[in-house]
Amino acid sequence: MAPVDGFNINLEHLLIRYVLNELGAHGTVSNNVYAYNPIVNTTHHDITIHFHSCQNPVFAAYNHQLHWLAGHQI
């Protein structure tokens, strides 16, 4: 958990949902609770998420940005 605009956000849940749903990553995860349960932006503010992954043997480096609207779920 980390505070964002005074509201606690579960960053692990956000990362899992973001990667699976917004980036369309496939595969398995060890935390199925977070994988299958949406997370809602309860901060009353839009949040911009910047995602960067480094190049590795399987994937090229990747940059992505998402505007997570207040009250919306991922």
N, C-alpha and C. Protein backbone atom coordinates (compact mmCIF):
# COMPACT_ATOMS: atom_id res chain seq x y z
N MET A 1 0.85 -1.18 0.00
CA MET A 1 0.00 0.00 0.00
C MET A 1 0.90 1.24 0.00
N ALA A 2 0.43 2.24 -0.73
CA ALA A 2 1.16 3.50 -0.76
C ALA A 2 0.14 4.64 -0.90
N PRO A 3 0.39 5.75 -0.23
CA PRO A 3 -0.55 6.87 -0.33
C PRO A 3 -0.41 7.59 -1.67
N VAL A 4 -1.55 7.85 -2.29
CA VAL A 4 -1.62 8.64 -3.52
C VAL A 4 -2.71 9.67 -3.30
N ASP A 5 -2.34 10.94 -3.26
CA ASP A 5 -3.29 12.02 -2.98
C ASP A 5 -4.07 11.77 -1.70
N GLY A 6 -3.40 11.19 -0.69
CA GLY A 6 -4.03 10.96 0.59
C GLY A 6 -4.86 9.69 0.69
N PHE A 7 -4.92 8.90 -0.37
CA PHE A 7 -5.66 7.64 -0.38
C PHE A 7 -4.68 6.49 -0.58
N ASN A 8 -4.84 5.43 0.17
CA ASN A 8 -3.95 4.28 0.02
C ASN A 8 -4.34 3.46 -1.21
N ILE A 9 -3.35 3.17 -2.04
CA ILE A 9 -3.53 2.35 -3.24
C ILE A 9 -2.67 1.11 -3.07
N ASN A 10 -3.24 -0.05 -3.36
CA ASN A 10 -2.49 -1.30 -3.32
C ASN A 10 -1.71 -1.41 -4.63
N LEU A 11 -0.43 -1.07 -4.59
CA LEU A 11 0.37 -1.01 -5.81
C LEU A 11 0.58 -2.37 -6.44
N GLU A 12 0.65 -3.43 -5.64
CA GLU A 12 0.78 -4.79 -6.21
C GLU A 12 -0.46 -5.13 -7.01
N HIS A 13 -1.63 -4.85 -6.45
CA HIS A 13 -2.89 -5.12 -7.15
C HIS A 13 -2.95 -4.29 -8.44
N LEU A 14 -2.60 -3.02 -8.37
CA LEU A 14 -2.61 -2.15 -9.53
C LEU A 14 -1.67 -2.67 -10.62
N LEU A 15 -0.46 -3.05 -10.25
CA LEU A 15 0.52 -3.54 -11.23
C LEU A 15 0.01 -4.80 -11.92
N ILE A 16 -0.50 -5.75 -11.15
CA ILE A 16 -0.98 -7.00 -11.74
C ILE A 16 -2.13 -6.73 -12.70
N ARG A 17 -3.12 -5.96 -12.26
CA ARG A 17 -4.27 -5.68 -13.12
C ARG A 17 -3.86 -4.88 -14.36
N TYR A 18 -2.97 -3.92 -14.18
CA TYR A 18 -2.50 -3.10 -15.30
C TYR A 18 -1.81 -3.96 -16.35
N VAL A 19 -0.87 -4.78 -15.93
CA VAL A 19 -0.11 -5.59 -16.89
C VAL A 19 -1.02 -6.59 -17.60
N LEU A 20 -1.90 -7.24 -16.86
CA LEU A 20 -2.78 -8.24 -17.48
C LEU A 20 -3.84 -7.62 -18.38
N ASN A 21 -4.44 -6.52 -17.96
CA ASN A 21 -5.57 -5.97 -18.69
C ASN A 21 -5.23 -4.84 -19.66
N GLU A 22 -4.33 -3.98 -19.30
CA GLU A 22 -4.01 -2.85 -20.17
C GLU A 22 -2.92 -3.18 -21.17
N LEU A 23 -1.96 -3.99 -20.76
CA LEU A 23 -0.88 -4.36 -21.67
C LEU A 23 -1.16 -5.66 -22.40
N GLY A 24 -2.17 -6.40 -21.92
CA GLY A 24 -2.54 -7.65 -22.58
C GLY A 24 -1.52 -8.77 -22.40
N ALA A 25 -0.77 -8.71 -21.32
CA ALA A 25 0.21 -9.76 -21.06
C ALA A 25 -0.50 -11.09 -20.82
N HIS A 26 0.12 -12.15 -21.25
CA HIS A 26 -0.45 -13.48 -21.07
C HIS A 26 0.48 -14.29 -20.17
N GLY A 27 -0.06 -15.31 -19.59
CA GLY A 27 0.74 -16.17 -18.73
C GLY A 27 0.04 -16.40 -17.42
N THR A 28 0.79 -16.82 -16.45
CA THR A 28 0.23 -17.11 -15.14
C THR A 28 0.80 -16.14 -14.12
N VAL A 29 0.05 -15.94 -13.06
CA VAL A 29 0.51 -15.11 -11.95
C VAL A 29 0.30 -15.91 -10.68
N SER A 30 1.05 -15.57 -9.66
CA SER A 30 0.93 -16.28 -8.39
C SER A 30 -0.15 -15.69 -7.50
N ASN A 31 -0.65 -14.51 -7.85
CA ASN A 31 -1.66 -13.88 -7.03
C ASN A 31 -2.96 -13.76 -7.82
N ASN A 32 -3.73 -14.84 -7.86
CA ASN A 32 -4.97 -14.86 -8.64
C ASN A 32 -6.03 -13.92 -8.09
N VAL A 33 -5.99 -13.64 -6.78
CA VAL A 33 -6.97 -12.72 -6.20
C VAL A 33 -6.85 -11.35 -6.87
N TYR A 34 -5.64 -10.85 -7.01
CA TYR A 34 -5.44 -9.55 -7.64
C TYR A 34 -5.63 -9.64 -9.15
N ALA A 35 -5.30 -10.76 -9.74
CA ALA A 35 -5.42 -10.90 -11.19
C ALA A 35 -6.87 -10.83 -11.65
N TYR A 36 -7.79 -11.38 -10.87
CA TYR A 36 -9.18 -11.50 -11.33
C TYR A 36 -10.14 -10.51 -10.68
N ASN A 37 -9.70 -9.75 -9.71
CA ASN A 37 -10.57 -8.75 -9.06
C ASN A 37 -10.14 -7.35 -9.47
N PRO A 38 -11.06 -6.58 -10.06
CA PRO A 38 -10.72 -5.22 -10.50
C PRO A 38 -10.28 -4.34 -9.33
N ILE A 39 -9.52 -3.31 -9.66
CA ILE A 39 -9.14 -2.30 -8.69
C ILE A 39 -9.73 -0.97 -9.19
N VAL A 40 -10.29 -0.20 -8.27
CA VAL A 40 -10.96 1.06 -8.60
C VAL A 40 -10.12 2.24 -8.10
N ASN A 41 -10.04 3.28 -8.90
CA ASN A 41 -9.36 4.51 -8.51
C ASN A 41 -10.29 5.27 -7.57
N THR A 42 -10.03 5.19 -6.28
CA THR A 42 -10.88 5.83 -5.26
C THR A 42 -10.33 7.17 -4.78
N THR A 43 -9.33 7.71 -5.48
CA THR A 43 -8.67 8.94 -5.01
C THR A 43 -9.44 10.21 -5.32
N HIS A 44 -10.47 10.16 -6.12
CA HIS A 44 -11.23 11.33 -6.58
C HIS A 44 -10.43 12.20 -7.54
N HIS A 45 -9.29 11.68 -8.01
CA HIS A 45 -8.45 12.37 -8.98
C HIS A 45 -8.04 11.39 -10.07
N ASP A 46 -7.86 11.89 -11.29
CA ASP A 46 -7.30 11.06 -12.34
C ASP A 46 -5.83 10.81 -12.02
N ILE A 47 -5.36 9.61 -12.34
CA ILE A 47 -3.97 9.23 -12.09
C ILE A 47 -3.35 8.83 -13.43
N THR A 48 -2.15 9.33 -13.70
CA THR A 48 -1.43 8.91 -14.89
C THR A 48 -0.40 7.86 -14.47
N ILE A 49 -0.48 6.72 -15.11
CA ILE A 49 0.43 5.62 -14.82
C ILE A 49 1.44 5.55 -15.97
N HIS A 50 2.72 5.59 -15.63
CA HIS A 50 3.80 5.43 -16.61
C HIS A 50 4.43 4.08 -16.36
N PHE A 51 4.50 3.25 -17.38
CA PHE A 51 5.06 1.91 -17.25
C PHE A 51 6.24 1.78 -18.20
N HIS A 52 7.36 1.32 -17.68
CA HIS A 52 8.55 1.09 -18.50
C HIS A 52 9.13 -0.26 -18.12
N SER A 53 9.38 -1.07 -19.13
CA SER A 53 10.07 -2.33 -18.88
C SER A 53 11.37 -2.32 -19.66
N CYS A 54 12.37 -2.92 -19.10
CA CYS A 54 13.67 -3.01 -19.76
C CYS A 54 13.68 -4.20 -20.72
N GLN A 55 14.56 -4.13 -21.67
CA GLN A 55 14.70 -5.23 -22.62
C GLN A 55 15.22 -6.46 -21.88
N ASN A 56 14.72 -7.61 -22.27
CA ASN A 56 15.21 -8.88 -21.71
C ASN A 56 15.22 -9.89 -22.85
N PRO A 57 15.64 -11.11 -22.60
CA PRO A 57 15.73 -12.09 -23.69
C PRO A 57 14.40 -12.39 -24.39
N VAL A 58 13.29 -12.10 -23.74
CA VAL A 58 11.98 -12.44 -24.32
C VAL A 58 11.28 -11.21 -24.93
N PHE A 59 11.41 -10.05 -24.30
CA PHE A 59 10.67 -8.86 -24.73
C PHE A 59 11.61 -7.69 -24.99
N ALA A 60 11.21 -6.83 -25.90
CA ALA A 60 11.93 -5.59 -26.14
C ALA A 60 11.55 -4.59 -25.05
N ALA A 61 12.35 -3.55 -24.90
CA ALA A 61 12.01 -2.49 -23.95
C ALA A 61 10.65 -1.91 -24.35
N TYR A 62 9.89 -1.48 -23.36
CA TYR A 62 8.51 -1.08 -23.63
C TYR A 62 8.14 0.11 -22.75
N ASN A 63 7.49 1.09 -23.33
CA ASN A 63 6.97 2.25 -22.60
C ASN A 63 5.47 2.35 -22.87
N HIS A 64 4.71 2.61 -21.83
CA HIS A 64 3.26 2.74 -21.97
C HIS A 64 2.77 3.74 -20.93
N GLN A 65 1.70 4.42 -21.26
CA GLN A 65 1.12 5.38 -20.33
C GLN A 65 -0.39 5.19 -20.33
N LEU A 66 -1.00 5.28 -19.16
CA LEU A 66 -2.44 5.13 -19.02
C LEU A 66 -2.97 6.23 -18.12
N HIS A 67 -4.09 6.84 -18.50
CA HIS A 67 -4.78 7.80 -17.65
C HIS A 67 -5.90 7.04 -16.95
N TRP A 68 -5.73 6.78 -15.67
CA TRP A 68 -6.70 6.04 -14.87
C TRP A 68 -7.66 7.05 -14.26
N LEU A 69 -8.86 7.08 -14.79
CA LEU A 69 -9.84 8.09 -14.40
C LEU A 69 -10.41 7.82 -13.00
N ALA A 70 -10.67 8.89 -12.27
CA ALA A 70 -11.26 8.77 -10.92
C ALA A 70 -12.56 7.98 -11.01
N GLY A 71 -12.71 7.01 -10.12
CA GLY A 71 -13.91 6.19 -10.07
C GLY A 71 -13.93 5.02 -11.03
N HIS A 72 -12.95 4.94 -11.91
CA HIS A 72 -12.91 3.86 -12.90
C HIS A 72 -12.07 2.69 -12.39
N GLN A 73 -12.32 1.54 -12.95
CA GLN A 73 -11.57 0.35 -12.56
C GLN A 73 -10.66 -0.14 -13.68
N ILE A 74 -9.67 -0.86 -13.25
CA ILE A 74 -8.78 -1.56 -14.19
C ILE A 74 -9.03 -3.04 -13.94
